[in-house]
C-alpha atoms as a PDB file:
ATOM      1  CA  MET A   1     161.119 -65.638 133.792  1.00  0.00           C
ATOM      2  CA  SER A   2     161.465 -67.641 130.587  1.00  0.00           C
ATOM      3  CA  LYS A   3     158.340 -68.311 128.543  1.00  0.00           C
ATOM      4  CA  ASN A   4     159.897 -71.401 126.959  1.00  0.00           C
ATOM      5  CA  TYR A   5     159.639 -74.941 128.305  1.00  0.00           C
ATOM      6  CA  LEU A   6     163.249 -75.651 127.300  1.00  0.00           C
ATOM      7  CA  GLU A   7     165.789 -72.995 126.459  1.00  0.00           C
ATOM      8  CA  VAL A   8     169.296 -73.569 125.114  1.00  0.00           C
ATOM      9  CA  LYS A   9     171.161 -70.270 124.802  1.00  0.00           C
ATOM     10  CA  ASN A  10     174.618 -69.627 123.312  1.00  0.00           C
ATOM     11  CA  VAL A  11     176.000 -73.052 124.226  1.00  0.00           C
ATOM     12  CA  ASN A  12     179.200 -74.580 122.861  1.00  0.00           C
ATOM     13  CA  PHE A  13     178.670 -78.333 122.921  1.00  0.00           C
ATOM     14  CA  ARG A  14     181.938 -80.118 123.700  1.00  0.00           C
ATOM     15  CA  VAL A  15     183.086 -83.689 124.214  1.00  0.00           C
ATOM     16  CA  GLY A  16     186.592 -84.926 125.024  1.00  0.00           C
ATOM     17  CA  GLY A  17     187.904 -81.369 125.035  1.00  0.00           C
ATOM     18  CA  LYS A  18     186.737 -80.720 121.457  1.00  0.00           C
ATOM     19  CA  THR A  19     183.930 -78.366 120.472  1.00  0.00           C
ATOM     20  CA  LYS A  20     181.438 -80.184 118.237  1.00  0.00           C
ATOM     21  CA  VAL A  21     178.765 -77.497 117.747  1.00  0.00           C
ATOM     22  CA  LYS A  22     179.360 -73.801 118.408  1.00  0.00           C
ATOM     23  CA  ASN A  23     177.161 -71.080 119.898  1.00  0.00           C
ATOM     24  CA  VAL A  24     173.866 -72.994 119.693  1.00  0.00           C
ATOM     25  CA  SER A  25     170.563 -71.381 120.644  1.00  0.00           C
ATOM     26  CA  PHE A  26     167.119 -72.939 120.306  1.00  0.00           C
ATOM     27  CA  SER A  27     164.034 -73.415 122.429  1.00  0.00           C
ATOM     28  CA  ILE A  28     160.978 -75.583 122.905  1.00  0.00           C
ATOM     29  CA  LYS A  29     158.051 -73.289 123.571  1.00  0.00           C
ATOM     30  CA  ASN A  30     155.362 -75.651 124.853  1.00  0.00           C
ATOM     31  CA  LYS A  31     155.195 -78.765 126.998  1.00  0.00           C
ATOM     32  CA  GLY A  32     154.569 -81.756 124.726  1.00  0.00           C
ATOM     33  CA  ASP A  33     156.280 -80.286 121.667  1.00  0.00           C
ATOM     34  CA  ILE A  34     158.667 -82.474 119.666  1.00  0.00           C
ATOM     35  CA  ILE A  35     161.774 -81.144 117.954  1.00  0.00           C
ATOM     36  CA  CYS A  36     164.067 -83.109 115.655  1.00  0.00           C
ATOM     37  CA  LEU A  37     167.766 -82.554 115.051  1.00  0.00           C
ATOM     38  CA  LEU A  38     169.175 -83.569 111.666  1.00  0.00           C
ATOM     39  CA  GLY A  39     172.746 -83.736 110.462  1.00  0.00           C
ATOM     40  CA  PRO A  40     175.423 -86.084 109.140  1.00  0.00           C
ATOM     41  CA  SER A  41     177.152 -88.649 111.352  1.00  0.00           C
ATOM     42  CA  GLY A  42     179.733 -87.229 113.752  1.00  0.00           C
ATOM     43  CA  VAL A  43     178.456 -83.666 113.557  1.00  0.00           C
ATOM     44  CA  GLY A  44     177.589 -83.479 117.266  1.00  0.00           C
ATOM     45  CA  LYS A  45     173.892 -84.381 117.525  1.00  0.00           C
ATOM     46  CA  THR A  46     174.460 -87.020 120.213  1.00  0.00           C
ATOM     47  CA  THR A  47     176.772 -84.635 122.095  1.00  0.00           C
ATOM     48  CA  ILE A  48     173.885 -82.151 122.277  1.00  0.00           C
ATOM     49  CA  LEU A  49     171.617 -84.819 123.802  1.00  0.00           C
ATOM     50  CA  ARG A  50     174.296 -85.989 126.256  1.00  0.00           C
ATOM     51  CA  THR A  51     174.905 -82.414 127.372  1.00  0.00           C
ATOM     52  CA  ILE A  52     171.220 -81.619 127.884  1.00  0.00           C
ATOM     53  CA  ALA A  53     170.930 -84.872 129.861  1.00  0.00           C
ATOM     54  CA  GLY A  54     173.809 -83.736 132.105  1.00  0.00           C
ATOM     55  CA  LEU A  55     176.426 -86.255 130.949  1.00  0.00           C
ATOM     56  CA  GLU A  56     178.643 -83.458 129.600  1.00  0.00           C
ATOM     57  CA  LYS A  57     179.329 -80.036 131.129  1.00  0.00           C
ATOM     58  CA  ILE A  58     179.301 -76.692 129.325  1.00  0.00           C
ATOM     59  CA  GLU A  59     181.773 -73.808 129.507  1.00  0.00           C
ATOM     60  CA  SER A  60     179.514 -71.085 128.117  1.00  0.00           C
ATOM     61  CA  GLY A  61     175.834 -70.312 127.700  1.00  0.00           C
ATOM     62  CA  THR A  62     172.881 -71.757 129.618  1.00  0.00           C
ATOM     63  CA  ILE A  63     170.424 -74.660 129.477  1.00  0.00           C
ATOM     64  CA  LYS A  64     167.101 -74.219 131.271  1.00  0.00           C
ATOM     65  CA  LEU A  65     164.181 -76.641 131.655  1.00  0.00           C
ATOM     66  CA  LYS A  66     160.862 -75.395 133.041  1.00  0.00           C
ATOM     67  CA  ASP A  67     162.710 -72.198 133.984  1.00  0.00           C
ATOM     68  CA  LYS A  68     165.177 -74.171 136.133  1.00  0.00           C
ATOM     69  CA  LEU A  69     168.854 -73.634 135.341  1.00  0.00           C
ATOM     70  CA  LEU A  70     170.434 -77.008 134.543  1.00  0.00           C
ATOM     71  CA  SER A  71     173.769 -76.004 133.027  1.00  0.00           C
ATOM     72  CA  SER A  72     175.999 -72.948 132.796  1.00  0.00           C
ATOM     73  CA  ALA A  73     179.715 -72.225 133.155  1.00  0.00           C
ATOM     74  CA  GLN A  74     179.233 -72.147 136.939  1.00  0.00           C
ATOM     75  CA  ASP A  75     176.308 -74.536 137.484  1.00  0.00           C
ATOM     76  CA  HIS A  76     175.716 -78.191 136.701  1.00  0.00           C
ATOM     77  CA  VAL A  77     172.718 -80.221 137.862  1.00  0.00           C
ATOM     78  CA  GLU A  78     173.618 -83.918 137.920  1.00  0.00           C
ATOM     79  CA  PRO A  79     171.725 -86.194 135.470  1.00  0.00           C
ATOM     80  CA  GLU A  80     169.696 -87.993 138.149  1.00  0.00           C
ATOM     81  CA  TYR A  81     168.143 -84.694 139.271  1.00  0.00           C
ATOM     82  CA  ARG A  82     167.102 -83.411 135.839  1.00  0.00           C
ATOM     83  CA  SER A  83     163.976 -85.545 135.159  1.00  0.00           C
ATOM     84  CA  ILE A  84     165.399 -86.160 131.699  1.00  0.00           C
ATOM     85  CA  SER A  85     165.475 -89.579 130.033  1.00  0.00           C
ATOM     86  CA  LEU A  86     168.019 -90.332 127.298  1.00  0.00           C
ATOM     87  CA  SER A  87     167.562 -93.337 125.026  1.00  0.00           C
ATOM     88  CA  PHE A  88     170.791 -94.133 123.167  1.00  0.00           C
ATOM     89  CA  GLN A  89     171.043 -95.476 119.624  1.00  0.00           C
ATOM     90  CA  GLU A  90     173.146 -98.417 120.781  1.00  0.00           C
ATOM     91  CA  ASN A  91     171.893-101.133 123.111  1.00  0.00           C
ATOM     92  CA  SER A  92     171.652 -99.548 126.566  1.00  0.00           C
ATOM     93  CA  LEU A  93     169.689-102.326 128.305  1.00  0.00           C
ATOM     94  CA  PHE A  94     170.961-103.882 131.509  1.00  0.00           C
ATOM     95  CA  PRO A  95     172.421-107.222 130.326  1.00  0.00           C
ATOM     96  CA  HIS A  96     171.593-109.161 133.527  1.00  0.00           C
ATOM     97  CA  TYR A  97     167.875-108.285 133.418  1.00  0.00           C
ATOM     98  CA  THR A  98     165.189-109.601 131.073  1.00  0.00           C
ATOM     99  CA  VAL A  99     163.579-107.207 128.610  1.00  0.00           C
ATOM    100  CA  GLU A 100     160.488-107.049 130.819  1.00  0.00           C
ATOM    101  CA  LYS A 101     162.548-106.213 133.914  1.00  0.00           C
ATOM    102  CA  ASN A 102     164.429-103.529 131.971  1.00  0.00           C
ATOM    103  CA  ILE A 103     161.159-101.889 130.939  1.00  0.00           C
ATOM    104  CA  TYR A 104     159.575-102.035 134.383  1.00  0.00           C
ATOM    105  CA  LEU A 105     162.712-100.534 135.914  1.00  0.00           C
ATOM    106  CA  GLY A 106     161.826 -97.457 133.889  1.00  0.00           C
ATOM    107  CA  ALA A 107     158.276 -97.520 135.266  1.00  0.00           C
ATOM    108  CA  GLU A 108     159.624 -97.771 138.817  1.00  0.00           C
ATOM    109  CA  ALA A 109     162.225 -95.039 138.313  1.00  0.00           C
ATOM    110  CA  LYS A 110     159.703 -92.273 138.764  1.00  0.00           C
ATOM    111  CA  LYS A 111     156.142 -92.152 139.995  1.00  0.00           C
ATOM    112  CA  PRO A 112     154.471 -89.453 137.897  1.00  0.00           C
ATOM    113  CA  ASN A 113     153.053 -86.706 140.084  1.00  0.00           C
ATOM    114  CA  GLY A 114     149.791 -85.369 138.742  1.00  0.00           C
ATOM    115  CA  LYS A 115     150.482 -86.943 135.363  1.00  0.00           C
ATOM    116  CA  LYS A 116     148.274 -89.265 133.368  1.00  0.00           C
ATOM    117  CA  LYS A 117     149.790 -92.663 134.238  1.00  0.00           C
ATOM    118  CA  LEU A 118     151.195 -94.612 131.320  1.00  0.00           C
ATOM    119  CA  ASN A 119     150.503 -98.348 131.234  1.00  0.00           C
ATOM    120  CA  PRO A 120     153.746-100.175 130.293  1.00  0.00           C
ATOM    121  CA  LYS A 121     151.701-102.960 128.660  1.00  0.00           C
ATOM    122  CA  LYS A 122     150.360-100.443 126.161  1.00  0.00           C
ATOM    123  CA  ILE A 123     153.884 -99.418 125.166  1.00  0.00           C
ATOM    124  CA  ILE A 124     155.004-103.051 124.958  1.00  0.00           C
ATOM    125  CA  LYS A 125     152.139-103.819 122.586  1.00  0.00           C
ATOM    126  CA  LEU A 126     152.732-100.689 120.518  1.00  0.00           C
ATOM    127  CA  LEU A 127     156.373-101.607 119.945  1.00  0.00           C
ATOM    128  CA  ASN A 128     155.535-105.254 119.212  1.00  0.00           C
ATOM    129  CA  ILE A 129     157.899-106.695 121.811  1.00  0.00           C
ATOM    130  CA  GLU A 130     155.537-108.975 123.752  1.00  0.00           C
ATOM    131  CA  LYS A 131     157.347-112.082 122.497  1.00  0.00           C
ATOM    132  CA  ILE A 132     160.760-111.039 123.799  1.00  0.00           C
ATOM    133  CA  LEU A 133     159.833-109.985 127.345  1.00  0.00           C
ATOM    134  CA  SER A 134     161.378-113.081 128.936  1.00  0.00           C
ATOM    135  CA  LYS A 135     164.597-112.851 126.928  1.00  0.00           C
ATOM    136  CA  TYR A 136     167.864-111.183 127.874  1.00  0.00           C
ATOM    137  CA  PRO A 137     169.470-108.407 125.771  1.00  0.00           C
ATOM    138  CA  HIS A 138     172.064-110.750 124.242  1.00  0.00           C
ATOM    139  CA  GLN A 139     169.267-112.986 122.962  1.00  0.00           C
ATOM    140  CA  ILE A 140     167.465-110.357 120.868  1.00  0.00           C
ATOM    141  CA  SER A 141     168.206-108.419 117.687  1.00  0.00           C
ATOM    142  CA  ALA A 142     169.499-104.848 117.523  1.00  0.00           C
ATOM    143  CA  GLY A 143     166.078-103.626 116.401  1.00  0.00           C
ATOM    144  CA  GLU A 144     164.328-105.410 119.261  1.00  0.00           C
ATOM    145  CA  ALA A 145     166.827-104.022 121.775  1.00  0.00           C
ATOM    146  CA  GLN A 146     166.263-100.524 120.414  1.00  0.00           C
ATOM    147  CA  ARG A 147     162.499-100.855 120.800  1.00  0.00           C
ATOM    148  CA  ALA A 148     162.878-102.223 124.332  1.00  0.00           C
ATOM    149  CA  ALA A 149     165.106 -99.283 125.305  1.00  0.00           C
ATOM    150  CA  LEU A 150     162.559 -96.902 123.765  1.00  0.00           C
ATOM    151  CA  ALA A 151     159.800 -98.547 125.832  1.00  0.00           C
ATOM    152  CA  ARG A 152     161.849 -98.102 129.010  1.00  0.00           C
ATOM    153  CA  SER A 153     162.392 -94.409 128.245  1.00  0.00           C
ATOM    154  CA  LEU A 154     158.717 -93.803 127.524  1.00  0.00           C
ATOM    155  CA  VAL A 155     157.413 -95.365 130.723  1.00  0.00           C
ATOM    156  CA  THR A 156     159.558 -93.070 132.891  1.00  0.00           C
ATOM    157  CA  GLN A 157     157.397 -90.138 131.671  1.00  0.00           C
ATOM    158  CA  PRO A 158     160.243 -87.628 132.108  1.00  0.00           C
ATOM    159  CA  ASP A 159     159.941 -83.859 131.883  1.00  0.00           C
ATOM    160  CA  LEU A 160     162.120 -84.153 128.773  1.00  0.00           C
ATOM    161  CA  LEU A 161     162.699 -87.242 126.621  1.00  0.00           C
ATOM    162  CA  LEU A 162     165.840 -87.436 124.453  1.00  0.00           C
ATOM    163  CA  LEU A 163     165.832 -90.037 121.672  1.00  0.00           C
ATOM    164  CA  ASP A 164     169.030 -90.769 119.749  1.00  0.00           C
ATOM    165  CA  GLU A 165     168.151 -92.403 116.402  1.00  0.00           C
ATOM    166  CA  PRO A 166     165.279 -94.282 118.107  1.00  0.00           C
ATOM    167  CA  LEU A 167     164.156 -96.224 115.019  1.00  0.00           C
ATOM    168  CA  SER A 168     167.408 -96.646 113.077  1.00  0.00           C
ATOM    169  CA  ASN A 169     167.454-100.433 113.575  1.00  0.00           C
ATOM    170  CA  VAL A 170     163.718-100.964 113.045  1.00  0.00           C
ATOM    171  CA  ASP A 171     162.570-102.647 109.820  1.00  0.00           C
ATOM    172  CA  GLN A 172     161.212-100.166 107.274  1.00  0.00           C
ATOM    173  CA  SER A 173     157.914-102.085 107.024  1.00  0.00           C
ATOM    174  CA  PHE A 174     157.293-101.496 110.734  1.00  0.00           C
ATOM    175  CA  LYS A 175     158.922 -98.092 111.119  1.00  0.00           C
ATOM    176  CA  GLU A 176     156.082 -95.923 109.795  1.00  0.00           C
ATOM    177  CA  GLU A 177     153.538 -97.650 112.035  1.00  0.00           C
ATOM    178  CA  ILE A 178     155.734 -97.013 115.086  1.00  0.00           C
ATOM    179  CA  GLN A 179     156.251 -93.385 114.054  1.00  0.00           C
ATOM    180  CA  VAL A 180     152.484 -92.827 113.989  1.00  0.00           C
ATOM    181  CA  GLN A 181     151.882 -94.506 117.343  1.00  0.00           C
ATOM    182  CA  LEU A 182     154.940 -92.927 118.970  1.00  0.00           C
ATOM    183  CA  LYS A 183     153.830 -89.446 117.952  1.00  0.00           C
ATOM    184  CA  LYS A 184     150.328 -90.119 119.278  1.00  0.00           C
ATOM    185  CA  ILE A 185     151.626 -91.290 122.666  1.00  0.00           C
ATOM    186  CA  LEU A 186     154.050 -88.364 123.002  1.00  0.00           C
ATOM    187  CA  LYS A 187     151.272 -85.898 122.164  1.00  0.00           C
ATOM    188  CA  ASP A 188     148.592 -87.588 124.330  1.00  0.00           C
ATOM    189  CA  LEU A 189     150.876 -87.661 127.376  1.00  0.00           C
ATOM    190  CA  LYS A 190     152.531 -84.326 126.524  1.00  0.00           C
ATOM    191  CA  ILE A 191     156.026 -85.768 126.786  1.00  0.00           C
ATOM    192  CA  THR A 192     158.341 -83.051 125.504  1.00  0.00           C
ATOM    193  CA  THR A 193     160.885 -84.712 123.232  1.00  0.00           C
ATOM    194  CA  ILE A 194     164.066 -84.081 121.265  1.00  0.00           C
ATOM    195  CA  VAL A 195     164.705 -86.655 118.534  1.00  0.00           C
ATOM    196  CA  VAL A 196     168.039 -87.057 116.772  1.00  0.00           C
ATOM    197  CA  THR A 197     167.624 -88.718 113.388  1.00  0.00           C
ATOM    198  CA  HIS A 198     169.354 -88.968 110.005  1.00  0.00           C
ATOM    199  CA  ASP A 199     165.973 -89.506 108.288  1.00  0.00           C
ATOM    200  CA  SER A 200     164.563 -86.178 107.098  1.00  0.00           C
ATOM    201  CA  TYR A 201     161.104 -87.645 106.415  1.00  0.00           C
ATOM    202  CA  GLU A 202     160.981 -88.967 109.984  1.00  0.00           C
ATOM    203  CA  ALA A 203     162.005 -85.539 111.267  1.00  0.00           C
ATOM    204  CA  PHE A 204     159.426 -83.753 109.123  1.00  0.00           C
ATOM    205  CA  TYR A 205     156.686 -86.080 110.386  1.00  0.00           C
ATOM    206  CA  LEU A 206     157.530 -86.119 114.087  1.00  0.00           C
ATOM    207  CA  GLY A 207     158.829 -82.611 114.685  1.00  0.00           C
ATOM    208  CA  ASN A 208     157.030 -79.383 115.499  1.00  0.00           C
ATOM    209  CA  LYS A 209     160.425 -77.875 114.691  1.00  0.00           C
ATOM    210  CA  CYS A 210     163.519 -79.206 112.909  1.00  0.00           C
ATOM    211  CA  GLY A 211     167.116 -78.187 113.441  1.00  0.00           C
ATOM    212  CA  ILE A 212     169.783 -78.759 110.778  1.00  0.00           C
ATOM    213  CA  ILE A 213     173.337 -79.113 112.156  1.00  0.00           C
ATOM    214  CA  LEU A 214     176.187 -78.715 109.673  1.00  0.00           C
ATOM    215  CA  GLY A 215     179.798 -77.593 109.930  1.00  0.00           C
ATOM    216  CA  GLU A 216     179.761 -77.106 113.716  1.00  0.00           C
ATOM    217  CA  LYS A 217     176.699 -74.847 113.530  1.00  0.00           C
ATOM    218  CA  LEU A 218     172.943 -75.023 113.906  1.00  0.00           C
ATOM    219  CA  LYS A 219     172.271 -73.828 110.369  1.00  0.00           C
ATOM    220  CA  GLN A 220     168.483 -73.666 110.465  1.00  0.00           C
ATOM    221  CA  PHE A 221     165.826 -74.168 113.126  1.00  0.00           C
ATOM    222  CA  ASP A 222     162.311 -73.853 111.794  1.00  0.00           C
ATOM    223  CA  ASP A 223     159.011 -75.546 111.000  1.00  0.00           C
ATOM    224  CA  PRO A 224     159.501 -78.701 108.882  1.00  0.00           C
ATOM    225  CA  TYR A 225     157.606 -77.061 105.979  1.00  0.00           C
ATOM    226  CA  ASN A 226     159.960 -74.092 105.976  1.00  0.00           C
ATOM    227  CA  VAL A 227     163.076 -76.249 106.268  1.00  0.00           C
ATOM    228  CA  TYR A 228     162.015 -78.205 103.176  1.00  0.00           C
ATOM    229  CA  HIS A 229     160.578 -75.416 101.007  1.00  0.00           C
ATOM    230  CA  PHE A 230     162.643 -72.467 102.253  1.00  0.00           C
ATOM    231  CA  PRO A 231     166.139 -73.773 103.100  1.00  0.00           C
ATOM    232  CA  ASN A 232     168.227 -70.837 104.259  1.00  0.00           C
ATOM    233  CA  SER A 233     171.581 -71.842 102.772  1.00  0.00           C
ATOM    234  CA  ILE A 234     173.224 -73.866 100.024  1.00  0.00           C
ATOM    235  CA  GLU A 235     174.599 -76.170 102.739  1.00  0.00           C
ATOM    236  CA  VAL A 236     171.060 -77.058 103.884  1.00  0.00           C
ATOM    237  CA  VAL A 237     169.969 -77.633 100.271  1.00  0.00           C
ATOM    238  CA  ASN A 238     172.864 -80.005  99.678  1.00  0.00           C
ATOM    239  CA  PHE A 239     172.292 -81.859 102.950  1.00  0.00           C
ATOM    240  CA  LEU A 240     168.576 -82.443 102.367  1.00  0.00           C
ATOM    241  CA  ASN A 241     169.290 -83.527  98.771  1.00  0.00           C
ATOM    242  CA  ARG A 242     165.725 -82.768  97.684  1.00  0.00           C
ATOM    243  CA  GLY A 243     166.556 -80.788  94.574  1.00  0.00           C
ATOM    244  CA  ILE A 244     169.318 -79.115  92.603  1.00  0.00           C
ATOM    245  CA  LEU A 245     170.712 -75.630  92.155  1.00  0.00           C
ATOM    246  CA  ILE A 246     170.844 -74.243  88.625  1.00  0.00           C
ATOM    247  CA  PRO A 247     172.312 -70.941  87.373  1.00  0.00           C
ATOM    248  CA  ALA A 248     169.819 -68.175  86.616  1.00  0.00           C
ATOM    249  CA  LYS A 249     169.657 -64.427  86.091  1.00  0.00           C
ATOM    250  CA  VAL A 250     167.097 -62.206  87.836  1.00  0.00           C
ATOM    251  CA  THR A 251     165.038 -60.381  85.192  1.00  0.00           C
ATOM    252  CA  GLY A 252     162.411 -58.630  87.332  1.00  0.00           C
ATOM    253  CA  ASN A 253     160.560 -58.486  90.645  1.00  0.00           C
ATOM    254  CA  ASN A 254     158.883 -61.825  89.967  1.00  0.00           C
ATOM    255  CA  SER A 255     160.989 -63.445  87.271  1.00  0.00           C
ATOM    256  CA  LEU A 256     164.342 -64.928  86.372  1.00  0.00           C
ATOM    257  CA  GLU A 257     165.778 -66.783  83.401  1.00  0.00           C
ATOM    258  CA  ASN A 258     167.821 -69.916  82.841  1.00  0.00           C
ATOM    259  CA  ASP A 259     169.569 -70.559  79.513  1.00  0.00           C
ATOM    260  CA  ASP A 260     168.014 -74.037  79.162  1.00  0.00           C
ATOM    261  CA  LEU A 261     164.554 -73.560  80.696  1.00  0.00           C
ATOM    262  CA  GLY A 262     163.869 -69.983  79.653  1.00  0.00           C
ATOM    263  CA  LEU A 263     161.672 -67.595  81.636  1.00  0.00           C
ATOM    264  CA  ILE A 264     160.618 -68.647  85.149  1.00  0.00           C
ATOM    265  CA  THR A 265     158.116 -66.632  87.171  1.00  0.00           C
ATOM    266  CA  GLY A 266     157.025 -66.841  90.785  1.00  0.00           C
ATOM    267  CA  ASN A 267     157.294 -65.357  94.236  1.00  0.00           C
ATOM    268  CA  PHE A 268     160.806 -64.633  95.468  1.00  0.00           C
ATOM    269  CA  ILE A 269     161.429 -65.603  99.084  1.00  0.00           C
ATOM    270  CA  LYS A 270     164.310 -63.137  99.069  1.00  0.00           C
ATOM    271  CA  HIS A 271     164.549 -60.414  96.433  1.00  0.00           C
ATOM    272  CA  TYR A 272     167.710 -59.687  94.466  1.00  0.00           C
ATOM    273  CA  PRO A 273     168.420 -56.748  92.139  1.00  0.00           C
ATOM    274  CA  THR A 274     167.584 -57.207  88.454  1.00  0.00           C
ATOM    275  CA  GLY A 275     170.612 -58.610  86.676  1.00  0.00           C
ATOM    276  CA  SER A 276     171.841 -60.605  89.687  1.00  0.00           C
ATOM    277  CA  LYS A 277     173.320 -64.006  88.872  1.00  0.00           C
ATOM    278  CA  VAL A 278     171.921 -66.543  91.321  1.00  0.00           C
ATOM    279  CA  GLN A 279     171.626 -70.261  92.035  1.00  0.00           C
ATOM    280  CA  LEU A 280     167.963 -71.285  91.768  1.00  0.00           C
ATOM    281  CA  LEU A 281     166.634 -74.222  93.788  1.00  0.00           C
ATOM    282  CA  LEU A 282     164.559 -76.641  91.717  1.00  0.00           C
ATOM    283  CA  GLN A 283     162.825 -79.420  93.648  1.00  0.00           C
ATOM    284  CA  PRO A 284     161.301 -82.498  91.954  1.00  0.00           C
ATOM    285  CA  GLU A 285     157.729 -81.199  92.309  1.00  0.00           C
ATOM    286  CA  ASP A 286     158.497 -77.755  90.836  1.00  0.00           C
ATOM    287  CA  LEU A 287     158.322 -78.585  87.128  1.00  0.00           C
ATOM    288  CA  GLU A 288     155.246 -80.069  85.411  1.00  0.00           C
ATOM    289  CA  HIS A 289     155.141 -82.761  82.728  1.00  0.00           C
ATOM    290  CA  ASP A 290     153.584 -81.785  79.386  1.00  0.00           C
ATOM    291  CA  ASP A 291     154.468 -83.658  76.207  1.00  0.00           C
ATOM    292  CA  ASP A 292     152.733 -81.001  74.094  1.00  0.00           C
ATOM    293  CA  SER A 293     155.299 -78.459  75.236  1.00  0.00           C
ATOM    294  CA  ASN A 294     158.026 -77.205  72.896  1.00  0.00           C
ATOM    295  CA  LEU A 295     160.532 -77.589  75.753  1.00  0.00           C
ATOM    296  CA  LYS A 296     161.782 -81.187  75.530  1.00  0.00           C
ATOM    297  CA  LEU A 297     164.537 -82.649  77.688  1.00  0.00           C
ATOM    298  CA  GLU A 298     166.254 -86.036  77.523  1.00  0.00           C
ATOM    299  CA  VAL A 299     165.416 -88.694  80.136  1.00  0.00           C
ATOM    300  CA  VAL A 300     168.654 -90.115  81.570  1.00  0.00           C
ATOM    301  CA  ASP A 301     167.212 -91.958  84.586  1.00  0.00           C
ATOM    302  CA  ARG A 302     163.868 -92.983  86.101  1.00  0.00           C
ATOM    303  CA  LYS A 303     163.342 -93.993  89.721  1.00  0.00           C
ATOM    304  CA  PHE A 304     160.142 -95.646  90.931  1.00  0.00           C
ATOM    305  CA  ARG A 305     159.030 -94.229  94.288  1.00  0.00           C
ATOM    306  CA  GLY A 306     155.657 -95.955  94.733  1.00  0.00           C
ATOM    307  CA  THR A 307     153.271 -93.038  94.199  1.00  0.00           C
ATOM    308  CA  ASN A 308     155.757 -91.179  91.989  1.00  0.00           C
ATOM    309  CA  PHE A 309     158.377 -91.602  89.324  1.00  0.00           C
ATOM    310  CA  ILE A 310     161.385 -89.310  89.678  1.00  0.00           C
ATOM    311  CA  TYR A 311     162.700 -88.599  86.184  1.00  0.00           C
ATOM    312  CA  THR A 312     166.205 -87.195  85.816  1.00  0.00           C
ATOM    313  CA  LEU A 313     166.302 -84.924  82.767  1.00  0.00           C
ATOM    314  CA  LYS A 314     169.398 -83.635  80.980  1.00  0.00           C
ATOM    315  CA  THR A 315     169.361 -80.145  79.506  1.00  0.00           C
ATOM    316  CA  THR A 316     171.361 -78.907  76.519  1.00  0.00           C
ATOM    317  CA  SER A 317     174.028 -77.567  78.897  1.00  0.00           C
ATOM    318  CA  LYS A 318     174.112 -80.941  80.671  1.00  0.00           C
ATOM    319  CA  LEU A 319     172.273 -79.897  83.827  1.00  0.00           C
ATOM    320  CA  LEU A 320     170.549 -82.863  85.494  1.00  0.00           C
ATOM    321  CA  ILE A 321     167.097 -81.867  86.740  1.00  0.00           C
ATOM    322  CA  PRO A 322     164.764 -84.112  88.819  1.00  0.00           C
ATOM    323  CA  VAL A 323     161.036 -84.021  88.032  1.00  0.00           C
ATOM    324  CA  ALA A 324     158.358 -85.913  89.997  1.00  0.00           C
ATOM    325  CA  VAL A 325     155.376 -87.340  88.123  1.00  0.00           C
ATOM    326  CA  HIS A 326     152.518 -89.363  89.594  1.00  0.00           C
ATOM    327  CA  THR A 327     152.824 -93.077  88.872  1.00  0.00           C
ATOM    328  CA  HIS A 328     149.442 -93.086  87.090  1.00  0.00           C
ATOM    329  CA  HIS A 329     150.344 -90.458  84.513  1.00  0.00           C
ATOM    330  CA  LYS A 330     149.395 -91.579  81.025  1.00  0.00           C
ATOM    331  CA  GLU A 331     152.670 -91.202  79.181  1.00  0.00           C
ATOM    332  CA  GLN A 332     155.455 -93.027  81.008  1.00  0.00           C
ATOM    333  CA  HIS A 333     158.914 -92.380  79.627  1.00  0.00           C
ATOM    334  CA  GLU A 334     161.984 -94.553  79.311  1.00  0.00           C
ATOM    335  CA  VAL A 335     165.642 -93.575  79.358  1.00  0.00           C
ATOM    336  CA  ASP A 336     166.609 -91.675  76.163  1.00  0.00           C
ATOM    337  CA  ASP A 337     162.997 -90.544  75.574  1.00  0.00           C
ATOM    338  CA  LYS A 338     162.144 -86.870  75.209  1.00  0.00           C
ATOM    339  CA  PHE A 339     160.174 -85.435  78.132  1.00  0.00           C
ATOM    340  CA  GLY A 340     158.110 -82.269  77.821  1.00  0.00           C
ATOM    341  CA  ILE A 341     158.164 -79.511  80.456  1.00  0.00           C
ATOM    342  CA  LYS A 342     155.052 -77.351  80.790  1.00  0.00           C
ATOM    343  CA  ARG A 343     155.449 -73.694  79.864  1.00  0.00           C
ATOM    344  CA  PRO A 344     155.297 -71.014  81.095  1.00  0.00           C
ATOM    345  CA  ILE A 345     157.254 -72.253  84.113  1.00  0.00           C
ATOM    346  CA  HIS A 346     155.812 -70.847  87.312  1.00  0.00           C
ATOM    347  CA  LEU A 347     157.141 -71.636  90.772  1.00  0.00           C
ATOM    348  CA  GLU A 348     155.052 -71.058  93.893  1.00  0.00           C
ATOM    349  CA  HIS A 349     158.225 -70.141  95.782  1.00  0.00           C
ATOM    350  CA  ILE A 350     161.457 -68.938  94.190  1.00  0.00           C
ATOM    351  CA  VAL A 351     164.358 -69.841  96.463  1.00  0.00           C
ATOM    352  CA  CYS A 352     167.789 -68.781  95.274  1.00  0.00           C
ATOM    353  CA  PHE A 353     171.247 -67.900  96.546  1.00  0.00           C
ATOM    354  CA  LEU A 354     174.023 -65.623  95.333  1.00  0.00           C
END
């Protein structure tokens, strides 16, 4: 008997006769957990959701929910018998029903047995769609339609909720508020959820676990903290785009050296023999600003990010290194200024690749 709430094991996800993601295995351990799948457009994230929902069949591996076999090479439970709700990125509302009728169809689709009943009015208020209840899908914006479809999916209270880019059309000013409330509702009602998103910050906030899908593979499946701070491949580093890789040489058990930055100490996540030439991951928060330092680099760009400035610094060998500094730091720098880097350089985690 499986100990996991959802278990996907050795599945090739296919659509239209073409394999999109190969030999995928991951699980959701507990009821009410949220996992997020990240990856570029067209990589197969939606195919994974469609397959778990029962809209696509599999030729290898197994998919189990609550220890019930849903899919295998020999077995296929039809979508209507899976207690799984899939909310598509595109408008999936019934065009001949009002928004209100669409939402209440979801409430009528299943009477929760032994579950804490969800009041549709609460969801409607949360998603700020009270004013469009009497309108038809063709009379509302893409963002409003997306929120209405999300409301319909939530009120069904399925055993598993699948959300495909649920907030991609929502205004940025409203998105964070919805993320907070959505997470609270999913956790309060213990609605187990898989979210597909292209927004890594959204994934890191919502997910108990995050999966990175690249090049037809699930490259990493881990806690959001580990995905960000301990990416397991150069491909994941490049996809997340939260730092750069610079050449370095391992000089000891806790040290390496870069020609421009000098000696760097810290804790290796993976050890390499002394003398190994590696690619060191430097994230914007790794280096500290210090204008009294004798290590000065040229500012070639400055981006304002609200609480932080992200300075792009050019080294003597023309590496471009991002450094985050709090907006309230005393000495703000302009392009072409010299920017001091605190020495000795010490990194909490040294992540590097051969």
